């Protein structure tokens, strides 16, 4: 089970990068991630005391940036069955 979980995370990471490159959002999302981290770790955080805002908001970002983790799990399990890793 542990090997399947690790394989699923690796497969999902590869799927995510391919998805970001395909939709030409890789640099936009990396810039957004850096900005998000800087905003939420700074001393003058505008959300101080209100909790950490969600990184991904469907209303703002839509479903274009979403991948299905179940596909990565399926691929990992199939790799386990086929190659007996």
PDB file of N, CA and C in Angstrom:
ATOM      1  N   UNK A   1       0.826  -1.181   0.000  1.00  0.00           N
ATOM      2  CA  UNK A   1       0.000   0.000   0.000  1.00  0.00           C
ATOM      3  C   UNK A   1       0.875   1.251   0.000  1.00  0.00           C
ATOM      4  N   UNK A   2       1.920   1.266   0.806  1.00  0.00           N
ATOM      5  CA  UNK A   2       2.793   2.431   0.886  1.00  0.00           C
ATOM      6  C   UNK A   2       3.445   2.717  -0.470  1.00  0.00           C
ATOM      7  N   UNK A   3       3.892   1.663  -1.159  1.00  0.00           N
ATOM      8  CA  UNK A   3       4.496   1.857  -2.477  1.00  0.00           C
ATOM      9  C   UNK A   3       3.490   2.438  -3.464  1.00  0.00           C
ATOM     10  N   UNK A   4       2.256   2.004  -3.385  1.00  0.00           N
ATOM     11  CA  UNK A   4       1.223   2.539  -4.272  1.00  0.00           C
ATOM     12  C   UNK A   4       0.961   4.014  -3.987  1.00  0.00           C
ATOM     13  N   UNK A   5       0.955   4.392  -2.723  1.00  0.00           N
ATOM     14  CA  UNK A   5       0.736   5.786  -2.358  1.00  0.00           C
ATOM     15  C   UNK A   5       1.873   6.660  -2.878  1.00  0.00           C
ATOM     16  N   UNK A   6       3.110   6.223  -2.667  1.00  0.00           N
ATOM     17  CA  UNK A   6       4.262   6.986  -3.146  1.00  0.00           C
ATOM     18  C   UNK A   6       4.239   7.090  -4.671  1.00  0.00           C
ATOM     19  N   UNK A   7       3.963   5.981  -5.343  1.00  0.00           N
ATOM     20  CA  UNK A   7       3.893   5.982  -6.811  1.00  0.00           C
ATOM     21  C   UNK A   7       2.772   6.899  -7.286  1.00  0.00           C
ATOM     22  N   UNK A   8       1.639   6.903  -6.605  1.00  0.00           N
ATOM     23  CA  UNK A   8       0.516   7.762  -6.995  1.00  0.00           C
ATOM     24  C   UNK A   8       0.891   9.236  -6.881  1.00  0.00           C
ATOM     25  N   UNK A   9       1.610   9.604  -5.820  1.00  0.00           N
ATOM     26  CA  UNK A   9       2.037  10.997  -5.674  1.00  0.00           C
ATOM     27  C   UNK A   9       3.031  11.390  -6.763  1.00  0.00           C
ATOM     28  N   UNK A  10       3.936  10.510  -7.104  1.00  0.00           N
ATOM     29  CA  UNK A  10       4.900  10.808  -8.165  1.00  0.00           C
ATOM     30  C   UNK A  10       4.192  10.931  -9.512  1.00  0.00           C
ATOM     31  N   UNK A  11       3.295  10.020  -9.808  1.00  0.00           N
ATOM     32  CA  UNK A  11       2.539  10.067 -11.063  1.00  0.00           C
ATOM     33  C   UNK A  11       1.681  11.331 -11.114  1.00  0.00           C
ATOM     34  N   UNK A  12       1.044  11.685 -10.008  1.00  0.00           N
ATOM     35  CA  UNK A  12       0.228  12.900  -9.971  1.00  0.00           C
ATOM     36  C   UNK A  12       1.081  14.149 -10.183  1.00  0.00           C
ATOM     37  N   UNK A  13       2.290  14.159  -9.634  1.00  0.00           N
ATOM     38  CA  UNK A  13       3.182  15.303  -9.845  1.00  0.00           C
ATOM     39  C   UNK A  13       3.542  15.447 -11.315  1.00  0.00           C
ATOM     40  N   UNK A  14       3.845  14.340 -11.965  1.00  0.00           N
ATOM     41  CA  UNK A  14       4.169  14.374 -13.396  1.00  0.00           C
ATOM     42  C   UNK A  14       2.938  14.819 -14.197  1.00  0.00           C
ATOM     43  N   UNK A  15       1.779  14.290 -13.851  1.00  0.00           N
ATOM     44  CA  UNK A  15       0.546  14.688 -14.531  1.00  0.00           C
ATOM     45  C   UNK A  15       0.282  16.187 -14.355  1.00  0.00           C
ATOM     46  N   UNK A  16       0.544  16.705 -13.175  1.00  0.00           N
ATOM     47  CA  UNK A  16       0.315  18.124 -12.907  1.00  0.00           C
ATOM     48  C   UNK A  16       1.229  19.004 -13.747  1.00  0.00           C
ATOM     49  N   UNK A  17       2.497  18.648 -13.813  1.00  0.00           N
ATOM     50  CA  UNK A  17       3.441  19.436 -14.605  1.00  0.00           C
ATOM     51  C   UNK A  17       3.056  19.398 -16.079  1.00  0.00           C
ATOM     52  N   UNK A  18       2.688  18.238 -16.575  1.00  0.00           N
ATOM     53  CA  UNK A  18       2.255  18.117 -17.975  1.00  0.00           C
ATOM     54  C   UNK A  18       1.005  18.961 -18.207  1.00  0.00           C
ATOM     55  N   UNK A  19       0.087  18.923 -17.275  1.00  0.00           N
ATOM     56  CA  UNK A  19      -1.154  19.705 -17.381  1.00  0.00           C
ATOM     57  C   UNK A  19      -0.845  21.204 -17.408  1.00  0.00           C
ATOM     58  N   UNK A  20       0.052  21.649 -16.524  1.00  0.00           N
ATOM     59  CA  UNK A  20       0.413  23.069 -16.479  1.00  0.00           C
ATOM     60  C   UNK A  20       1.113  23.511 -17.759  1.00  0.00           C
ATOM     61  N   UNK A  21       1.971  22.664 -18.294  1.00  0.00           N
ATOM     62  CA  UNK A  21       2.656  23.001 -19.543  1.00  0.00           C
ATOM     63  C   UNK A  21       1.659  23.028 -20.703  1.00  0.00           C
ATOM     64  N   UNK A  22       0.768  22.064 -20.739  1.00  0.00           N
ATOM     65  CA  UNK A  22      -0.223  21.976 -21.815  1.00  0.00           C
ATOM     66  C   UNK A  22      -1.098  23.224 -21.874  1.00  0.00           C
ATOM     67  N   UNK A  23      -1.530  23.718 -20.718  1.00  0.00           N
ATOM     68  CA  UNK A  23      -2.385  24.899 -20.671  1.00  0.00           C
ATOM     69  C   UNK A  23      -1.597  26.198 -20.478  1.00  0.00           C
ATOM     70  N   UNK A  24      -0.293  26.129 -20.599  1.00  0.00           N
ATOM     71  CA  UNK A  24       0.605  27.296 -20.528  1.00  0.00           C
ATOM     72  C   UNK A  24       0.380  28.106 -19.258  1.00  0.00           C
ATOM     73  N   UNK A  25       0.308  27.400 -18.127  1.00  0.00           N
ATOM     74  CA  UNK A  25       0.100  28.054 -16.841  1.00  0.00           C
ATOM     75  C   UNK A  25       1.233  27.788 -15.854  1.00  0.00           C
ATOM     76  N   UNK A  26       2.301  27.156 -16.288  1.00  0.00           N
ATOM     77  CA  UNK A  26       3.362  26.768 -15.360  1.00  0.00           C
ATOM     78  C   UNK A  26       3.959  27.982 -14.649  1.00  0.00           C
ATOM     79  N   UNK A  27       4.373  29.000 -15.399  1.00  0.00           N
ATOM     80  CA  UNK A  27       5.015  30.154 -14.774  1.00  0.00           C
ATOM     81  C   UNK A  27       4.017  30.997 -13.986  1.00  0.00           C
ATOM     82  N   UNK A  28       2.777  31.063 -14.461  1.00  0.00           N
ATOM     83  CA  UNK A  28       1.744  31.796 -13.723  1.00  0.00           C
ATOM     84  C   UNK A  28       1.508  31.155 -12.362  1.00  0.00           C
ATOM     85  N   UNK A  29       1.367  29.822 -12.329  1.00  0.00           N
ATOM     86  CA  UNK A  29       1.097  29.140 -11.066  1.00  0.00           C
ATOM     87  C   UNK A  29       2.301  29.188 -10.127  1.00  0.00           C
ATOM     88  N   UNK A  30       3.516  29.088 -10.671  1.00  0.00           N
ATOM     89  CA  UNK A  30       4.709  29.204  -9.820  1.00  0.00           C
ATOM     90  C   UNK A  30       4.804  30.606  -9.223  1.00  0.00           C
ATOM     91  N   UNK A  31       4.514  31.632 -10.015  1.00  0.00           N
ATOM     92  CA  UNK A  31       4.522  33.004  -9.516  1.00  0.00           C
ATOM     93  C   UNK A  31       3.444  33.180  -8.433  1.00  0.00           C
ATOM     94  N   UNK A  32       2.263  32.610  -8.677  1.00  0.00           N
ATOM     95  CA  UNK A  32       1.181  32.699  -7.703  1.00  0.00           C
ATOM     96  C   UNK A  32       1.569  31.989  -6.400  1.00  0.00           C
ATOM     97  N   UNK A  33       2.233  30.836  -6.499  1.00  0.00           N
ATOM     98  CA  UNK A  33       2.660  30.101  -5.304  1.00  0.00           C
ATOM     99  C   UNK A  33       3.649  30.925  -4.479  1.00  0.00           C
ATOM    100  N   UNK A  34       4.630  31.519  -5.134  1.00  0.00           N
ATOM    101  CA  UNK A  34       5.615  32.340  -4.419  1.00  0.00           C
ATOM    102  C   UNK A  34       4.931  33.531  -3.760  1.00  0.00           C
ATOM    103  N   UNK A  35       4.034  34.187  -4.487  1.00  0.00           N
ATOM    104  CA  UNK A  35       3.299  35.326  -3.943  1.00  0.00           C
ATOM    105  C   UNK A  35       2.435  34.910  -2.758  1.00  0.00           C
ATOM    106  N   UNK A  36       1.780  33.773  -2.867  1.00  0.00           N
ATOM    107  CA  UNK A  36       0.934  33.258  -1.785  1.00  0.00           C
ATOM    108  C   UNK A  36       1.758  32.985  -0.529  1.00  0.00           C
ATOM    109  N   UNK A  37       2.914  32.356  -0.703  1.00  0.00           N
ATOM    110  CA  UNK A  37       3.772  32.040   0.444  1.00  0.00           C
ATOM    111  C   UNK A  37       4.288  33.324   1.083  1.00  0.00           C
ATOM    112  N   UNK A  38       4.722  34.267   0.271  1.00  0.00           N
ATOM    113  CA  UNK A  38       5.233  35.532   0.803  1.00  0.00           C
ATOM    114  C   UNK A  38       4.155  36.292   1.564  1.00  0.00           C
ATOM    115  N   UNK A  39       2.951  36.336   1.027  1.00  0.00           N
ATOM    116  CA  UNK A  39       1.856  37.062   1.672  1.00  0.00           C
ATOM    117  C   UNK A  39       1.470  36.428   3.003  1.00  0.00           C
ATOM    118  N   UNK A  40       1.419  35.121   3.054  1.00  0.00           N
ATOM    119  CA  UNK A  40       0.938  34.442   4.257  1.00  0.00           C
ATOM    120  C   UNK A  40       2.013  34.176   5.289  1.00  0.00           C
ATOM    121  N   UNK A  41       3.252  34.496   4.986  1.00  0.00           N
ATOM    122  CA  UNK A  41       4.310  34.328   5.977  1.00  0.00           C
ATOM    123  C   UNK A  41       4.915  35.662   6.394  1.00  0.00           C
ATOM    124  N   UNK A  42       4.436  36.772   5.834  1.00  0.00           N
ATOM    125  CA  UNK A  42       4.992  38.074   6.180  1.00  0.00           C
ATOM    126  C   UNK A  42       4.352  38.598   7.470  1.00  0.00           C
ATOM    127  N   UNK A  43       5.047  39.556   8.098  1.00  0.00           N
ATOM    128  CA  UNK A  43       4.546  40.137   9.342  1.00  0.00           C
ATOM    129  C   UNK A  43       3.371  41.075   9.098  1.00  0.00           C
ATOM    130  N   UNK A  44       3.286  41.657   7.912  1.00  0.00           N
ATOM    131  CA  UNK A  44       2.183  42.565   7.605  1.00  0.00           C
ATOM    132  C   UNK A  44       1.126  41.859   6.751  1.00  0.00           C
ATOM    133  N   UNK A  45       0.796  40.658   7.136  1.00  0.00           N
ATOM    134  CA  UNK A  45      -0.194  39.843   6.435  1.00  0.00           C
ATOM    135  C   UNK A  45      -1.577  40.486   6.580  1.00  0.00           C
ATOM    136  N   UNK A  46      -2.248  40.799   5.447  1.00  0.00           N
ATOM    137  CA  UNK A  46      -3.580  41.408   5.555  1.00  0.00           C
ATOM    138  C   UNK A  46      -4.629  40.459   6.136  1.00  0.00           C
ATOM    139  N   UNK A  47      -4.366  39.173   6.131  1.00  0.00           N
ATOM    140  CA  UNK A  47      -5.315  38.188   6.660  1.00  0.00           C
ATOM    141  C   UNK A  47      -4.984  37.759   8.084  1.00  0.00           C
ATOM    142  N   UNK A  48      -4.106  38.492   8.743  1.00  0.00           N
ATOM    143  CA  UNK A  48      -3.667  38.120  10.087  1.00  0.00           C
ATOM    144  C   UNK A  48      -4.866  38.002  11.027  1.00  0.00           C
ATOM    145  N   UNK A  49      -4.963  36.894  11.714  1.00  0.00           N
ATOM    146  CA  UNK A  49      -6.044  36.661  12.651  1.00  0.00           C
ATOM    147  C   UNK A  49      -7.293  36.077  12.009  1.00  0.00           C
ATOM    148  N   UNK A  50      -7.335  36.010  10.703  1.00  0.00           N
ATOM    149  CA  UNK A  50      -8.507  35.489  10.001  1.00  0.00           C
ATOM    150  C   UNK A  50      -8.276  34.069   9.500  1.00  0.00           C
ATOM    151  N   UNK A  51      -7.119  33.500   9.774  1.00  0.00           N
ATOM    152  CA  UNK A  51      -6.787  32.171   9.269  1.00  0.00           C
ATOM    153  C   UNK A  51      -6.098  32.278   7.923  1.00  0.00           C
ATOM    154  N   UNK A  52      -5.644  31.170   7.440  1.00  0.00           N
ATOM    155  CA  UNK A  52      -4.949  31.141   6.147  1.00  0.00           C
ATOM    156  C   UNK A  52      -5.992  30.962   5.045  1.00  0.00           C
ATOM    157  N   UNK A  53      -5.980  31.847   4.054  1.00  0.00           N
ATOM    158  CA  UNK A  53      -6.945  31.686   2.952  1.00  0.00           C
ATOM    159  C   UNK A  53      -6.586  30.472   2.102  1.00  0.00           C
ATOM    160  N   UNK A  54      -7.562  29.873   1.456  1.00  0.00           N
ATOM    161  CA  UNK A  54      -7.258  28.701   0.621  1.00  0.00           C
ATOM    162  C   UNK A  54      -6.363  29.080  -0.552  1.00  0.00           C
ATOM    163  N   UNK A  55      -5.474  28.177  -0.908  1.00  0.00           N
ATOM    164  CA  UNK A  55      -4.581  28.418  -2.042  1.00  0.00           C
ATOM    165  C   UNK A  55      -5.354  28.389  -3.344  1.00  0.00           C
ATOM    166  N   UNK A  56      -6.261  27.453  -3.473  1.00  0.00           N
ATOM    167  CA  UNK A  56      -7.011  27.281  -4.720  1.00  0.00           C
ATOM    168  C   UNK A  56      -8.484  27.528  -4.461  1.00  0.00           C
ATOM    169  N   UNK A  57      -9.064  28.434  -5.206  1.00  0.00           N
ATOM    170  CA  UNK A  57     -10.482  28.756  -5.077  1.00  0.00           C
ATOM    171  C   UNK A  57     -11.158  28.484  -6.416  1.00  0.00           C
ATOM    172  N   UNK A  58     -12.114  27.584  -6.431  1.00  0.00           N
ATOM    173  CA  UNK A  58     -12.772  27.180  -7.679  1.00  0.00           C
ATOM    174  C   UNK A  58     -13.485  28.367  -8.321  1.00  0.00           C
ATOM    175  N   UNK A  59     -14.093  29.231  -7.514  1.00  0.00           N
ATOM    176  CA  UNK A  59     -14.789  30.399  -8.069  1.00  0.00           C
ATOM    177  C   UNK A  59     -13.816  31.336  -8.787  1.00  0.00           C
ATOM    178  N   UNK A  60     -12.631  31.489  -8.249  1.00  0.00           N
ATOM    179  CA  UNK A  60     -11.631  32.377  -8.832  1.00  0.00           C
ATOM    180  C   UNK A  60     -10.850  31.690  -9.951  1.00  0.00           C
ATOM    181  N   UNK A  61     -10.440  30.438  -9.734  1.00  0.00           N
ATOM    182  CA  UNK A  61      -9.523  29.757 -10.649  1.00  0.00           C
ATOM    183  C   UNK A  61     -10.201  28.815 -11.633  1.00  0.00           C
ATOM    184  N   UNK A  62     -11.438  28.413 -11.361  1.00  0.00           N
ATOM    185  CA  UNK A  62     -12.139  27.495 -12.248  1.00  0.00           C
ATOM    186  C   UNK A  62     -11.601  26.075 -12.117  1.00  0.00           C
ATOM    187  N   UNK A  63     -12.029  25.217 -13.030  1.00  0.00           N
ATOM    188  CA  UNK A  63     -11.643  23.807 -12.991  1.00  0.00           C
ATOM    189  C   UNK A  63     -10.524  23.469 -13.970  1.00  0.00           C
ATOM    190  N   UNK A  64     -10.001  24.465 -14.680  1.00  0.00           N
ATOM    191  CA  UNK A  64      -8.968  24.187 -15.673  1.00  0.00           C
ATOM    192  C   UNK A  64      -7.674  23.670 -15.030  1.00  0.00           C
ATOM    193  N   UNK A  65      -7.394  24.078 -13.809  1.00  0.00           N
ATOM    194  CA  UNK A  65      -6.170  23.660 -13.148  1.00  0.00           C
ATOM    195  C   UNK A  65      -6.299  22.394 -12.320  1.00  0.00           C
ATOM    196  N   UNK A  66      -7.393  21.678 -12.472  1.00  0.00           N
ATOM    197  CA  UNK A  66      -7.664  20.504 -11.647  1.00  0.00           C
ATOM    198  C   UNK A  66      -7.288  19.233 -12.403  1.00  0.00           C
ATOM    199  N   UNK A  67      -6.604  18.322 -11.716  1.00  0.00           N
ATOM    200  CA  UNK A  67      -6.380  16.984 -12.261  1.00  0.00           C
ATOM    201  C   UNK A  67      -7.076  16.001 -11.326  1.00  0.00           C
ATOM    202  N   UNK A  68      -7.390  14.841 -11.844  1.00  0.00           N
ATOM    203  CA  UNK A  68      -8.067  13.838 -11.034  1.00  0.00           C
ATOM    204  C   UNK A  68      -7.025  12.905 -10.420  1.00  0.00           C
ATOM    205  N   UNK A  69      -6.930  12.957  -9.099  1.00  0.00           N
ATOM    206  CA  UNK A  69      -5.960  12.125  -8.398  1.00  0.00           C
ATOM    207  C   UNK A  69      -6.300  10.650  -8.529  1.00  0.00           C
ATOM    208  N   UNK A  70      -7.564  10.355  -8.764  1.00  0.00           N
ATOM    209  CA  UNK A  70      -7.962   8.955  -8.919  1.00  0.00           C
ATOM    210  C   UNK A  70      -7.270   8.313 -10.125  1.00  0.00           C
ATOM    211  N   UNK A  71      -6.995   9.095 -11.169  1.00  0.00           N
ATOM    212  CA  UNK A  71      -6.275   8.559 -12.333  1.00  0.00           C
ATOM    213  C   UNK A  71      -4.842   8.186 -11.947  1.00  0.00           C
ATOM    214  N   UNK A  72      -4.221   8.996 -11.099  1.00  0.00           N
ATOM    215  CA  UNK A  72      -2.865   8.693 -10.632  1.00  0.00           C
ATOM    216  C   UNK A  72      -2.863   7.448  -9.743  1.00  0.00           C
ATOM    217  N   UNK A  73      -3.882   7.306  -8.908  1.00  0.00           N
ATOM    218  CA  UNK A  73      -3.987   6.117  -8.050  1.00  0.00           C
ATOM    219  C   UNK A  73      -4.156   4.868  -8.911  1.00  0.00           C
ATOM    220  N   UNK A  74      -5.027   4.946  -9.904  1.00  0.00           N
ATOM    221  CA  UNK A  74      -5.235   3.813 -10.803  1.00  0.00           C
ATOM    222  C   UNK A  74      -3.936   3.436 -11.510  1.00  0.00           C
ATOM    223  N   UNK A  75      -3.223   4.421 -12.025  1.00  0.00           N
ATOM    224  CA  UNK A  75      -1.961   4.144 -12.711  1.00  0.00           C
ATOM    225  C   UNK A  75      -0.941   3.502 -11.766  1.00  0.00           C
ATOM    226  N   UNK A  76      -0.891   3.984 -10.528  1.00  0.00           N
ATOM    227  CA  UNK A  76       0.052   3.424  -9.559  1.00  0.00           C
ATOM    228  C   UNK A  76      -0.293   1.976  -9.226  1.00  0.00           C
ATOM    229  N   UNK A  77      -1.556   1.692  -9.034  1.00  0.00           N
ATOM    230  CA  UNK A  77      -1.971   0.316  -8.718  1.00  0.00           C
ATOM    231  C   UNK A  77      -1.692  -0.603  -9.901  1.00  0.00           C
ATOM    232  N   UNK A  78      -1.984  -0.128 -11.114  1.00  0.00           N
ATOM    233  CA  UNK A  78      -1.701  -0.940 -12.296  1.00  0.00           C
ATOM    234  C   UNK A  78      -0.204  -1.210 -12.448  1.00  0.00           C
ATOM    235  N   UNK A  79       0.625  -0.207 -12.154  1.00  0.00           N
ATOM    236  CA  UNK A  79       2.076  -0.427 -12.181  1.00  0.00           C
ATOM    237  C   UNK A  79       2.488  -1.482 -11.160  1.00  0.00           C
ATOM    238  N   UNK A  80       1.875  -1.433  -9.984  1.00  0.00           N
ATOM    239  CA  UNK A  80       2.167  -2.420  -8.951  1.00  0.00           C
ATOM    240  C   UNK A  80       1.796  -3.826  -9.419  1.00  0.00           C
ATOM    241  N   UNK A  81       0.649  -3.941 -10.080  1.00  0.00           N
ATOM    242  CA  UNK A  81       0.172  -5.255 -10.540  1.00  0.00           C
ATOM    243  C   UNK A  81       1.023  -5.770 -11.704  1.00  0.00           C
ATOM    244  N   UNK A  82       1.264  -4.909 -12.679  1.00  0.00           N
ATOM    245  CA  UNK A  82       1.974  -5.327 -13.882  1.00  0.00           C
ATOM    246  C   UNK A  82       3.439  -5.630 -13.622  1.00  0.00           C
ATOM    247  N   UNK A  83       4.120  -4.709 -12.946  1.00  0.00           N
ATOM    248  CA  UNK A  83       5.564  -4.848 -12.772  1.00  0.00           C
ATOM    249  C   UNK A  83       5.967  -5.401 -11.410  1.00  0.00           C
ATOM    250  N   UNK A  84       5.017  -5.609 -10.537  1.00  0.00           N
ATOM    251  CA  UNK A  84       5.281  -6.132  -9.187  1.00  0.00           C
ATOM    252  C   UNK A  84       6.428  -5.399  -8.518  1.00  0.00           C
ATOM    253  N   UNK A  85       6.306  -4.085  -8.522  1.00  0.00           N
ATOM    254  CA  UNK A  85       7.344  -3.219  -7.935  1.00  0.00           C
ATOM    255  C   UNK A  85       7.330  -3.360  -6.434  1.00  0.00           C
TER     256      UNK A  85
END
